[in-house]
């Protein structure tokens, strides 16, 4: 009987995940504003229900239901805060991107299914409020004139969601697939839709950049305190790890030092773009000073993936500013020299074996090789969405699934879980995203920053994973679409030529009278 109920529960979970993800994909793909808003309303209503079903046999739900008054009060407070934010956003639509920018880095540790996850609860609240502020007037027919043309990137993301949902049907871990959908893909896809429709003015872009920089400096101050006091605010496992090493890694308000380093990476790329394009000495000095503080904090994280991502972002800015061929040549020489130095480094065994490489990469080499083996065993359909931990455990006997979360390399994880089809759609998303972001990026500081940040994030996800699971990826892709395209030199010349005859006609005697 228990086995039958478990099978029915897993089937219901898979069907629910597939339905919710396909609705989210439809929300991206449709062009009619009212239909898109209706799909957004449905998917945001279905998501909590899926989570409730997943928690039906968990002690967390029992502890909540045992105190119905407290649960109802918490729900009422959450609803009131959401409605209040929605009202403020409806009064000033530019408030939404500021709130998203401020909420992006904050994570709250919560336990689901026996595992503790660091969830973006403040961001969920902001996205829910923004969605409510948009859905109500859209369903009332007040936004019919809003432009809703979709481009290749939007359709590519919709295809990725569809592939993820379909692959969840044969996943041996449907709960993980459902959690990925509810906590990452559905809210981030909704945020993508909302950010894409914002009119991004220079003032708005500048304001959001200031918010990110201010947060990065504040988080760095916390990191300096942690480093010099040798205390951590979060992650006791990291504190134990620090006790066994000569170095001390900091994580500020983030659970993982690599996530903290990734946030600093975005801030420094934006500052570098401003330095390259600014003609004000004071602005250049201020950005350089802020960058020095953030770089010092990044060094204390000891996050190699963040540092490499930062260098990739800087290289992208340099290629846009000067010569791509020159940057590629310098990067190639640096990579060859760096590889030679690592291979010649004494005490690493010359990196001549998988064991030595695995030791130097903190076990990531084994995860990558295991992911490649999983892909080779099921190359077409993959093991199913959210299945990497369970599949890796079954094939390699790696202990509990909680000990393995991903291959730390996004394309390997995608290939293992969604197979060749998922890998191709993933590559399609990357190509269309980068191509969209790079459009006229040479003549736009904002678009250059988005391009460099997106490429840096892609590189970071090759060594740390979490591309689609990072809200910054969806925000950057929305900006790649929504940021205004600056006029080229030829277009400005044509525009001036078109204005000149009109100006001459107005200046002619009697022109006003004849008009």
Protein backbone atom coordinates (compact mmCIF):
# COMPACT_ATOMS: atom_id res chain seq x y z
CA UNK A 1 0.00 0.00 0.00
CA UNK A 2 2.83 2.39 0.93
CA UNK A 3 4.62 1.62 -2.33
CA UNK A 4 1.43 2.30 -4.29
CA UNK A 5 0.86 5.64 -2.56
CA UNK A 6 4.49 6.62 -3.17
CA UNK A 7 4.14 5.78 -6.86
CA UNK A 8 0.91 7.78 -7.13
CA UNK A 9 2.54 10.72 -5.33
CA UNK A 10 5.54 10.63 -7.69
CA UNK A 11 3.23 10.49 -10.71
CA UNK A 12 1.21 13.45 -9.45
CA UNK A 13 4.41 15.38 -8.77
CA UNK A 14 5.71 14.75 -12.30
CA UNK A 15 2.38 15.70 -13.89
CA UNK A 16 2.21 18.85 -11.79
CA UNK A 17 5.78 19.86 -12.63
CA UNK A 18 5.20 19.29 -16.34
CA UNK A 19 1.96 21.28 -16.33
CA UNK A 20 3.43 24.22 -14.42
CA UNK A 21 6.57 24.38 -16.55
CA UNK A 22 4.61 24.21 -19.81
CA UNK A 23 2.35 27.02 -18.59
CA UNK A 24 5.47 29.07 -17.77
CA UNK A 25 6.86 28.32 -21.23
CA UNK A 26 3.58 29.46 -22.75
CA UNK A 27 3.74 32.64 -20.69
CA UNK A 28 7.04 33.42 -22.41
CA UNK A 29 5.99 32.39 -25.90
CA UNK A 30 2.57 34.01 -26.33
CA UNK A 31 2.31 37.53 -27.70
CA UNK A 32 -1.14 38.58 -26.46
CA UNK A 33 -0.81 40.57 -23.24
CA UNK A 34 -4.04 39.31 -21.66
CA UNK A 35 -3.26 35.65 -22.38
CA UNK A 36 0.27 36.05 -21.02
CA UNK A 37 -1.06 37.64 -17.83
CA UNK A 38 -3.61 34.86 -17.41
CA UNK A 39 -0.89 32.20 -17.77
CA UNK A 40 1.26 34.07 -15.25
CA UNK A 41 -1.62 34.12 -12.78
CA UNK A 42 -2.23 30.39 -13.21
CA UNK A 43 1.41 29.36 -12.87
CA UNK A 44 1.96 31.54 -9.80
CA UNK A 45 -1.13 29.98 -8.20
CA UNK A 46 -0.12 26.42 -9.12
CA UNK A 47 3.44 26.68 -7.77
CA UNK A 48 2.53 26.85 -4.05
CA UNK A 49 0.15 23.94 -4.55
CA UNK A 50 2.97 21.84 -6.00
CA UNK A 51 5.16 22.73 -3.05
CA UNK A 52 2.37 21.78 -0.65
CA UNK A 53 2.04 18.36 -2.30
CA UNK A 54 5.80 17.84 -2.11
CA UNK A 55 5.78 18.65 1.61
CA UNK A 56 2.71 16.50 2.36
CA UNK A 57 4.71 13.84 4.22
CA UNK A 58 7.39 16.11 5.65
CA UNK A 59 7.73 17.12 9.31
CA UNK A 60 7.94 20.77 8.24
CA UNK A 61 4.34 20.74 7.00
CA UNK A 62 3.17 18.92 10.13
CA UNK A 63 4.75 21.57 12.32
CA UNK A 64 2.97 24.27 10.31
CA UNK A 65 -0.45 22.63 10.24
CA UNK A 66 -0.25 21.91 13.98
CA UNK A 67 -0.40 25.69 14.56
CA UNK A 68 -3.17 26.84 12.20
CA UNK A 69 -3.56 30.25 13.84
CA UNK A 70 0.12 31.10 13.45
CA UNK A 71 0.07 29.75 9.89
CA UNK A 72 -2.98 31.87 9.00
CA UNK A 73 -1.40 34.96 10.58
CA UNK A 74 1.85 34.45 8.66
CA UNK A 75 -0.11 33.98 5.44
CA UNK A 76 -2.12 37.14 6.09
CA UNK A 77 1.03 39.16 6.74
CA UNK A 78 2.68 37.81 3.59
CA UNK A 79 -0.39 38.60 1.51
CA UNK A 80 -0.64 42.10 2.96
CA UNK A 81 3.02 42.83 2.24
CA UNK A 82 2.67 41.51 -1.31
CA UNK A 83 -0.45 43.57 -1.99
CA UNK A 84 1.16 46.66 -0.48
CA UNK A 85 4.24 46.28 -2.68
CA UNK A 86 2.01 45.62 -5.69
CA UNK A 87 0.13 48.86 -5.02
CA UNK A 88 3.40 50.83 -4.79
CA UNK A 89 4.69 49.25 -8.00
CA UNK A 90 1.43 50.00 -9.81
CA UNK A 91 1.87 53.65 -8.81
CA UNK A 92 5.46 53.74 -10.11
CA UNK A 93 6.50 50.92 -12.44
CA UNK A 94 10.18 51.89 -12.23
CA UNK A 95 10.16 50.84 -8.57
CA UNK A 96 10.07 47.18 -9.60
CA UNK A 97 13.58 46.99 -11.15
CA UNK A 98 15.02 48.78 -8.11
CA UNK A 99 13.38 46.24 -5.79
CA UNK A 100 14.57 43.32 -7.92
CA UNK A 101 18.12 44.67 -7.91
CA UNK A 102 18.07 45.07 -4.13
CA UNK A 103 16.56 41.60 -3.53
CA UNK A 104 18.76 39.61 -5.94
CA UNK A 105 21.54 38.66 -3.50
CA UNK A 106 19.52 37.86 -0.37
CA UNK A 107 18.90 34.22 0.45
CA UNK A 108 17.07 32.66 3.40
CA UNK A 109 17.91 29.11 4.59
CA UNK A 110 14.76 26.95 4.62
CA UNK A 111 14.30 23.20 5.00
CA UNK A 112 12.27 21.17 2.46
CA UNK A 113 12.19 17.41 2.13
CA UNK A 114 14.83 16.99 4.84
CA UNK A 115 17.33 19.27 3.06
CA UNK A 116 18.17 22.89 3.80
CA UNK A 117 18.19 25.21 0.81
CA UNK A 118 19.10 28.87 0.60
CA UNK A 119 16.10 30.40 -1.14
CA UNK A 120 15.58 33.85 -2.60
CA UNK A 121 12.55 34.62 -0.44
CA UNK A 122 12.81 38.45 -0.75
CA UNK A 123 13.05 38.12 -4.53
CA UNK A 124 10.00 35.82 -4.62
CA UNK A 125 8.08 38.47 -2.68
CA UNK A 126 9.12 41.22 -5.11
CA UNK A 127 8.35 39.11 -8.19
CA UNK A 128 4.96 38.17 -6.78
CA UNK A 129 4.14 41.81 -6.09
CA UNK A 130 5.38 42.90 -9.52
CA UNK A 131 3.36 40.18 -11.19
CA UNK A 132 0.22 41.21 -9.30
CA UNK A 133 0.73 44.85 -10.26
CA UNK A 134 0.96 43.80 -13.92
CA UNK A 135 -1.65 41.00 -14.06
CA UNK A 136 -4.60 43.00 -12.72
CA UNK A 137 -4.52 45.81 -15.32
CA UNK A 138 -3.53 43.36 -18.07
CA UNK A 139 -6.58 41.16 -17.44
CA UNK A 140 -8.72 44.29 -17.27
CA UNK A 141 -7.62 45.12 -20.81
CA UNK A 142 -5.71 48.28 -19.86
CA UNK A 143 -2.40 47.11 -21.39
CA UNK A 144 -3.53 45.97 -24.82
CA UNK A 145 -1.38 48.57 -26.55
CA UNK A 146 1.78 47.26 -24.87
CA UNK A 147 4.40 45.91 -27.30
CA UNK A 148 4.77 42.14 -26.92
CA UNK A 149 6.90 41.08 -29.87
CA UNK A 150 9.03 38.09 -28.93
CA UNK A 151 12.51 37.49 -30.29
CA UNK A 152 14.72 34.40 -30.63
CA UNK A 153 15.98 34.58 -27.03
CA UNK A 154 12.49 34.51 -25.54
CA UNK A 155 11.52 31.52 -27.67
CA UNK A 156 14.79 29.76 -26.80
CA UNK A 157 14.07 30.17 -23.08
CA UNK A 158 10.53 28.88 -23.59
CA UNK A 159 11.98 25.84 -25.38
CA UNK A 160 14.38 25.25 -22.48
CA UNK A 161 11.51 25.28 -19.98
CA UNK A 162 9.55 22.84 -22.14
CA UNK A 163 12.51 20.46 -22.38
CA UNK A 164 13.04 20.63 -18.62
CA UNK A 165 9.38 19.87 -17.95
CA UNK A 166 9.20 16.96 -20.39
CA UNK A 167 12.43 15.45 -19.02
CA UNK A 168 10.99 15.53 -15.52
CA UNK A 169 8.58 12.76 -16.55
CA UNK A 170 11.30 10.09 -16.38
CA UNK A 171 13.33 11.61 -13.57
CA UNK A 172 14.16 9.25 -10.67
CA UNK A 173 13.99 12.30 -8.38
CA UNK A 174 10.71 14.09 -9.24
CA UNK A 175 10.81 16.07 -5.99
CA UNK A 176 14.09 17.73 -7.01
CA UNK A 177 12.69 18.55 -10.46
CA UNK A 178 9.61 20.08 -8.86
CA UNK A 179 11.70 22.15 -6.46
CA UNK A 180 13.88 23.43 -9.30
CA UNK A 181 10.74 24.45 -11.18
CA UNK A 182 9.06 26.16 -8.21
CA UNK A 183 12.08 27.85 -6.66
CA UNK A 184 13.99 28.78 -9.81
CA UNK A 185 12.48 28.48 -13.28
CA UNK A 186 8.92 29.67 -12.69
CA UNK A 187 9.69 32.79 -10.58
CA UNK A 188 12.71 33.66 -12.73
CA UNK A 189 10.72 33.30 -15.94
CA UNK A 190 8.06 35.59 -14.46
CA UNK A 191 10.75 38.09 -13.48
CA UNK A 192 12.13 37.89 -17.03
CA UNK A 193 8.71 38.80 -18.47
CA UNK A 194 8.31 41.71 -16.07
CA UNK A 195 11.80 43.16 -16.57
CA UNK A 196 11.55 42.80 -20.34
CA UNK A 197 8.55 45.12 -20.48
CA UNK A 198 10.21 47.92 -18.46
CA UNK A 199 11.26 51.08 -20.29
CA UNK A 200 14.93 51.19 -19.33
CA UNK A 201 16.05 54.80 -19.31
CA UNK A 202 19.63 55.93 -18.63
CA UNK A 203 18.52 57.18 -15.22
CA UNK A 204 16.99 53.82 -14.31
CA UNK A 205 20.07 51.88 -15.43
CA UNK A 206 22.33 54.23 -13.47
CA UNK A 207 20.16 53.91 -10.36
CA UNK A 208 20.18 50.11 -10.40
CA UNK A 209 23.96 50.12 -10.93
CA UNK A 210 24.36 52.34 -7.86
CA UNK A 211 22.23 49.92 -5.82
CA UNK A 212 24.38 46.95 -6.85
CA UNK A 213 27.60 48.81 -6.07
CA UNK A 214 26.34 49.97 -2.67
CA UNK A 215 25.27 46.43 -1.76
CA UNK A 216 28.60 45.00 -2.91
CA UNK A 217 30.51 47.51 -0.75
CA UNK A 218 28.30 46.75 2.25
CA UNK A 219 28.77 43.01 1.80
CA UNK A 220 32.52 43.56 1.46
CA UNK A 221 32.54 45.39 4.78
CA UNK A 222 30.95 42.32 6.36
CA UNK A 223 33.59 40.16 4.65
CA UNK A 224 36.42 42.25 6.09
CA UNK A 225 34.92 41.85 9.55
CA UNK A 226 34.70 38.09 9.06
CA UNK A 227 38.26 37.85 7.85
CA UNK A 228 39.91 39.86 10.60
CA UNK A 229 37.75 38.42 13.39
CA UNK A 230 37.84 34.89 11.89
CA UNK A 231 34.11 34.47 12.37
CA UNK A 232 31.37 33.66 9.89
CA UNK A 233 27.74 34.75 9.96
CA UNK A 234 26.53 31.75 7.95
CA UNK A 235 27.55 28.22 6.94
CA UNK A 236 29.08 26.40 9.94
CA UNK A 237 30.54 23.82 7.51
CA UNK A 238 32.71 26.53 5.98
CA UNK A 239 33.86 27.58 9.45
CA UNK A 240 34.92 23.99 10.20
CA UNK A 241 36.70 23.80 6.84
CA UNK A 242 38.59 27.00 7.61
CA UNK A 243 39.92 25.46 10.81
CA UNK A 244 41.73 22.77 8.81
CA UNK A 245 43.48 25.15 6.40
CA UNK A 246 46.04 27.92 6.65
CA UNK A 247 43.69 30.26 4.79
CA UNK A 248 40.33 31.69 5.88
CA UNK A 249 37.52 31.97 3.32
CA UNK A 250 34.77 34.54 3.83
CA UNK A 251 31.20 34.46 2.56
CA UNK A 252 29.69 37.70 3.95
CA UNK A 253 25.88 37.34 4.00
CA UNK A 254 26.01 34.55 1.39
CA UNK A 255 26.05 30.86 2.29
CA UNK A 256 28.70 30.05 -0.32
CA UNK A 257 31.88 32.07 -0.95
CA UNK A 258 31.55 31.37 -4.68
CA UNK A 259 28.11 33.01 -4.78
CA UNK A 260 29.51 36.01 -2.92
CA UNK A 261 32.39 36.16 -5.39
CA UNK A 262 29.95 35.96 -8.29
CA UNK A 263 28.01 38.97 -6.99
CA UNK A 264 31.24 40.95 -6.58
CA UNK A 265 32.14 39.93 -10.14
CA UNK A 266 29.02 41.58 -11.54
CA UNK A 267 29.63 44.78 -9.58
CA UNK A 268 33.25 45.08 -10.70
CA UNK A 269 32.38 44.46 -14.35
CA UNK A 270 29.89 47.33 -14.19
CA UNK A 271 32.47 49.61 -12.56
CA UNK A 272 35.05 48.69 -15.19
CA UNK A 273 32.61 49.54 -18.00
CA UNK A 274 32.00 52.96 -16.46
CA UNK A 275 35.74 53.57 -16.09
CA UNK A 276 36.32 52.76 -19.76
CA UNK A 277 33.60 55.10 -21.01
CA UNK A 278 33.60 57.94 -18.47
CA UNK A 279 35.22 61.28 -19.24
CA UNK A 280 34.99 62.48 -15.64
CA UNK A 281 38.12 62.08 -13.55
CA UNK A 282 36.15 62.03 -10.30
CA UNK A 283 33.90 59.24 -11.51
CA UNK A 284 36.90 57.22 -12.69
CA UNK A 285 38.67 57.64 -9.33
CA UNK A 286 35.52 56.72 -7.38
CA UNK A 287 34.91 53.61 -9.49
CA UNK A 288 38.56 52.58 -9.23
CA UNK A 289 38.52 52.94 -5.43
CA UNK A 290 35.30 50.91 -5.17
CA UNK A 291 36.78 48.24 -7.46
CA UNK A 292 39.87 47.97 -5.26
CA UNK A 293 37.69 47.33 -2.19
CA UNK A 294 35.58 44.73 -4.01
CA UNK A 295 38.66 43.00 -5.42
CA UNK A 296 40.15 42.70 -1.95
CA UNK A 297 36.92 41.11 -0.75
CA UNK A 298 36.92 38.71 -3.72
CA UNK A 299 40.48 37.63 -2.90
CA UNK A 300 39.33 36.73 0.61
CA UNK A 301 36.64 34.43 -0.83
CA UNK A 302 39.36 32.36 -2.56
CA UNK A 303 36.81 31.71 -5.31
CA UNK A 304 38.82 30.78 -8.40
CA UNK A 305 35.67 30.53 -10.50
CA UNK A 306 34.68 34.11 -9.62
CA UNK A 307 38.15 35.45 -10.38
CA UNK A 308 38.23 33.67 -13.74
CA UNK A 309 34.72 34.93 -14.48
CA UNK A 310 35.84 38.46 -13.63
CA UNK A 311 38.79 38.19 -15.99
CA UNK A 312 36.44 36.90 -18.70
CA UNK A 313 34.16 39.89 -18.18
CA UNK A 314 37.11 42.29 -18.33
CA UNK A 315 38.31 40.60 -21.52
CA UNK A 316 34.85 41.06 -23.05
CA UNK A 317 34.88 44.76 -22.21
CA UNK A 318 38.36 45.10 -23.66
CA UNK A 319 37.29 43.32 -26.86
CA UNK A 320 34.32 45.66 -27.22
CA UNK A 321 36.45 48.70 -26.49
CA UNK A 322 39.49 47.84 -28.59
CA UNK A 323 40.23 44.71 -30.65
CA UNK A 324 38.67 41.28 -30.18
CA UNK A 325 41.56 39.60 -32.02
CA UNK A 326 44.10 41.23 -29.72
CA UNK A 327 42.19 40.17 -26.60
CA UNK A 328 41.83 36.58 -27.85
CA UNK A 329 45.55 36.44 -28.61
CA UNK A 330 46.53 37.75 -25.19
CA UNK A 331 44.07 35.38 -23.48
CA UNK A 332 45.46 32.41 -25.41
CA UNK A 333 49.06 33.23 -24.42
CA UNK A 334 48.03 33.75 -20.79
CA UNK A 335 46.15 30.44 -20.77
CA UNK A 336 49.15 28.55 -22.19
CA UNK A 337 51.55 30.13 -19.69
CA UNK A 338 49.13 29.51 -16.82
CA UNK A 339 48.64 25.85 -17.78
CA UNK A 340 52.40 25.37 -18.03
CA UNK A 341 52.90 26.95 -14.60
CA UNK A 342 50.25 24.73 -13.03
CA UNK A 343 51.66 21.58 -14.62
CA UNK A 344 55.18 22.46 -13.48
CA UNK A 345 54.05 23.36 -9.96
CA UNK A 346 55.89 21.14 -7.48
CA UNK A 347 53.82 18.89 -5.29
CA UNK A 348 50.83 18.47 -7.58
CA UNK A 349 52.04 15.33 -9.24
CA UNK A 350 52.19 17.18 -12.53
CA UNK A 351 48.41 16.85 -12.77
CA UNK A 352 49.20 13.64 -14.60
CA UNK A 353 46.26 11.67 -13.28
CA UNK A 354 42.56 12.16 -12.62
CA UNK A 355 43.29 11.76 -8.92
CA UNK A 356 45.70 14.69 -8.83
CA UNK A 357 43.38 16.85 -10.95
CA UNK A 358 40.48 15.91 -8.69
CA UNK A 359 42.51 16.87 -5.63
CA UNK A 360 43.44 20.25 -7.09
CA UNK A 361 39.82 20.95 -8.13
CA UNK A 362 38.28 20.00 -4.75
CA UNK A 363 36.60 16.89 -6.18
CA UNK A 364 35.00 18.60 -9.18
CA UNK A 365 36.93 16.55 -11.72
CA UNK A 366 35.23 13.36 -10.48
CA UNK A 367 31.83 15.02 -10.67
CA UNK A 368 32.48 16.14 -14.23
CA UNK A 369 33.74 12.73 -15.32
CA UNK A 370 30.75 11.11 -13.59
CA UNK A 371 28.41 13.48 -15.41
CA UNK A 372 30.03 12.60 -18.73
CA UNK A 373 29.52 8.91 -17.94
CA UNK A 374 25.86 9.53 -17.13
CA UNK A 375 25.41 11.31 -20.46
CA UNK A 376 27.15 8.46 -22.29
CA UNK A 377 24.80 5.90 -20.75
CA UNK A 378 21.65 7.82 -21.80
CA UNK A 379 22.75 10.29 -24.48
CA UNK A 380 19.39 11.04 -26.10
CA UNK A 381 16.86 11.57 -23.32
CA UNK A 382 19.16 11.87 -20.31
CA UNK A 383 18.34 10.68 -16.82
CA UNK A 384 15.62 13.25 -16.27
CA UNK A 385 15.41 16.74 -14.82
CA UNK A 386 16.81 17.10 -11.30
CA UNK A 387 18.24 13.58 -11.42
CA UNK A 388 22.00 14.21 -11.23
CA UNK A 389 22.37 13.47 -7.51
CA UNK A 390 20.35 10.24 -7.55
CA UNK A 391 21.78 9.04 -10.86
CA UNK A 392 25.35 9.74 -9.75
CA UNK A 393 24.74 7.84 -6.53
CA UNK A 394 23.32 4.84 -8.37
CA UNK A 395 26.07 4.67 -10.94
CA UNK A 396 29.04 5.47 -8.71
CA UNK A 397 27.85 4.67 -5.20
CA UNK A 398 28.63 8.17 -3.97
CA UNK A 399 26.84 7.91 -0.64
CA UNK A 400 23.73 9.96 -0.02
CA UNK A 401 22.30 12.02 -2.87
CA UNK A 402 22.63 15.11 -0.70
CA UNK A 403 26.42 14.76 -0.97
CA UNK A 404 26.26 15.40 -4.72
CA UNK A 405 24.17 18.23 -6.12
CA UNK A 406 25.58 18.82 -9.61
CA UNK A 407 28.66 18.34 -11.75
CA UNK A 408 29.73 21.95 -11.06
CA UNK A 409 29.68 22.36 -14.85
CA UNK A 410 26.34 23.45 -16.28
CA UNK A 411 26.63 21.85 -19.76
CA UNK A 412 27.64 18.51 -18.19
CA UNK A 413 24.70 18.64 -15.78
CA UNK A 414 22.32 19.53 -18.61
CA UNK A 415 23.69 16.73 -20.81
CA UNK A 416 23.34 14.18 -18.01
CA UNK A 417 19.80 15.22 -17.07
CA UNK A 418 18.20 16.34 -20.36
CA UNK A 419 20.40 14.50 -22.84
CA UNK A 420 21.43 15.70 -26.27
CA UNK A 421 18.16 17.56 -26.86
CA UNK A 422 18.54 19.55 -23.67
CA UNK A 423 22.19 20.27 -24.41
CA UNK A 424 21.33 21.65 -27.85
CA UNK A 425 18.57 23.87 -26.45
CA UNK A 426 20.93 25.07 -23.70
CA UNK A 427 23.53 26.02 -26.33
CA UNK A 428 20.78 27.75 -28.34
CA UNK A 429 19.92 29.86 -25.29
CA UNK A 430 23.57 30.83 -24.80
CA UNK A 431 24.10 31.75 -28.46
CA UNK A 432 20.92 33.81 -28.75
CA UNK A 433 21.52 35.48 -25.38
CA UNK A 434 25.07 36.54 -26.17
CA UNK A 435 24.14 37.59 -29.70
CA UNK A 436 21.24 39.69 -28.41
CA UNK A 437 23.34 41.29 -25.67
CA UNK A 438 26.20 42.14 -28.04
CA UNK A 439 23.93 44.07 -30.42
CA UNK A 440 25.49 47.56 -30.58
CA UNK A 441 27.32 46.90 -27.30
CA UNK A 442 30.36 48.78 -28.61
CA UNK A 443 28.46 52.06 -28.50
CA UNK A 444 26.47 51.52 -25.29
CA UNK A 445 27.96 51.31 -21.79
CA UNK A 446 24.86 49.56 -20.47
CA UNK A 447 24.77 46.95 -23.22
CA UNK A 448 28.54 46.41 -22.90
CA UNK A 449 28.08 45.79 -19.17
CA UNK A 450 25.23 43.33 -19.77
CA UNK A 451 27.24 41.51 -22.45
CA UNK A 452 30.34 41.23 -20.24
CA UNK A 453 28.28 40.18 -17.22
CA UNK A 454 26.42 37.53 -19.20
CA UNK A 455 29.58 36.08 -20.75
CA UNK A 456 31.30 36.11 -17.35
CA UNK A 457 28.33 34.28 -15.83
CA UNK A 458 28.41 31.67 -18.59
CA UNK A 459 32.09 31.09 -17.90
CA UNK A 460 31.46 30.98 -14.14
CA UNK A 461 28.79 28.34 -14.68
CA UNK A 462 31.36 26.15 -16.44
CA UNK A 463 33.29 25.83 -13.20
CA UNK A 464 30.56 26.27 -10.59
CA UNK A 465 27.28 25.44 -12.40
CA UNK A 466 24.03 27.31 -11.56
CA UNK A 467 23.25 29.19 -14.76
CA UNK A 468 19.48 28.81 -15.07
CA UNK A 469 19.29 28.62 -11.26
CA UNK A 470 20.82 32.10 -10.90
CA UNK A 471 18.30 34.96 -11.14
CA UNK A 472 21.09 37.20 -12.46
CA UNK A 473 21.17 35.15 -15.67
CA UNK A 474 17.47 35.77 -16.33
CA UNK A 475 17.79 39.44 -15.39
CA UNK A 476 20.75 39.94 -17.75
CA UNK A 477 18.91 38.20 -20.58
CA UNK A 478 15.86 40.41 -20.00
CA UNK A 479 18.11 43.48 -20.12
CA UNK A 480 19.73 42.24 -23.32
CA UNK A 481 16.29 42.45 -24.91
CA UNK A 482 14.88 45.51 -23.15
CA UNK A 483 17.79 47.95 -23.16
CA UNK A 484 17.32 50.55 -25.91
CA UNK A 485 19.54 50.23 -28.96
CA UNK A 486 21.69 53.34 -29.42
CA UNK A 487 21.78 54.99 -32.82
CA UNK A 488 24.78 54.22 -34.99
CA UNK A 489 26.80 57.05 -36.54
CA UNK A 490 25.04 56.54 -39.87
CA UNK A 491 21.59 56.60 -38.24
CA UNK A 492 22.39 59.80 -36.35
CA UNK A 493 23.60 61.37 -39.59
CA UNK A 494 20.39 60.35 -41.37
CA UNK A 495 18.27 61.64 -38.51
CA UNK A 496 19.98 65.03 -38.62
CA UNK A 497 19.54 65.18 -42.39
CA UNK A 498 15.81 64.45 -42.04
CA UNK A 499 15.38 67.16 -39.42
CA UNK A 500 17.24 69.83 -41.40
CA UNK A 501 14.64 70.39 -44.19
CA UNK A 502 11.84 70.62 -41.60
CA UNK A 503 13.79 73.20 -39.62
CA UNK A 504 14.48 75.25 -42.76
CA UNK A 505 10.80 75.16 -43.74
CA UNK A 506 9.76 76.49 -40.34
CA UNK A 507 12.30 79.32 -40.54
CA UNK A 508 11.07 80.55 -43.96
CA UNK A 509 9.04 83.83 -43.92
CA UNK A 510 5.34 83.12 -44.09
CA UNK A 511 5.79 79.44 -43.26
CA UNK A 512 3.70 79.72 -40.13
CA UNK A 513 0.94 81.54 -41.99
CA UNK A 514 0.75 79.01 -44.79
CA UNK A 515 0.77 76.19 -42.25
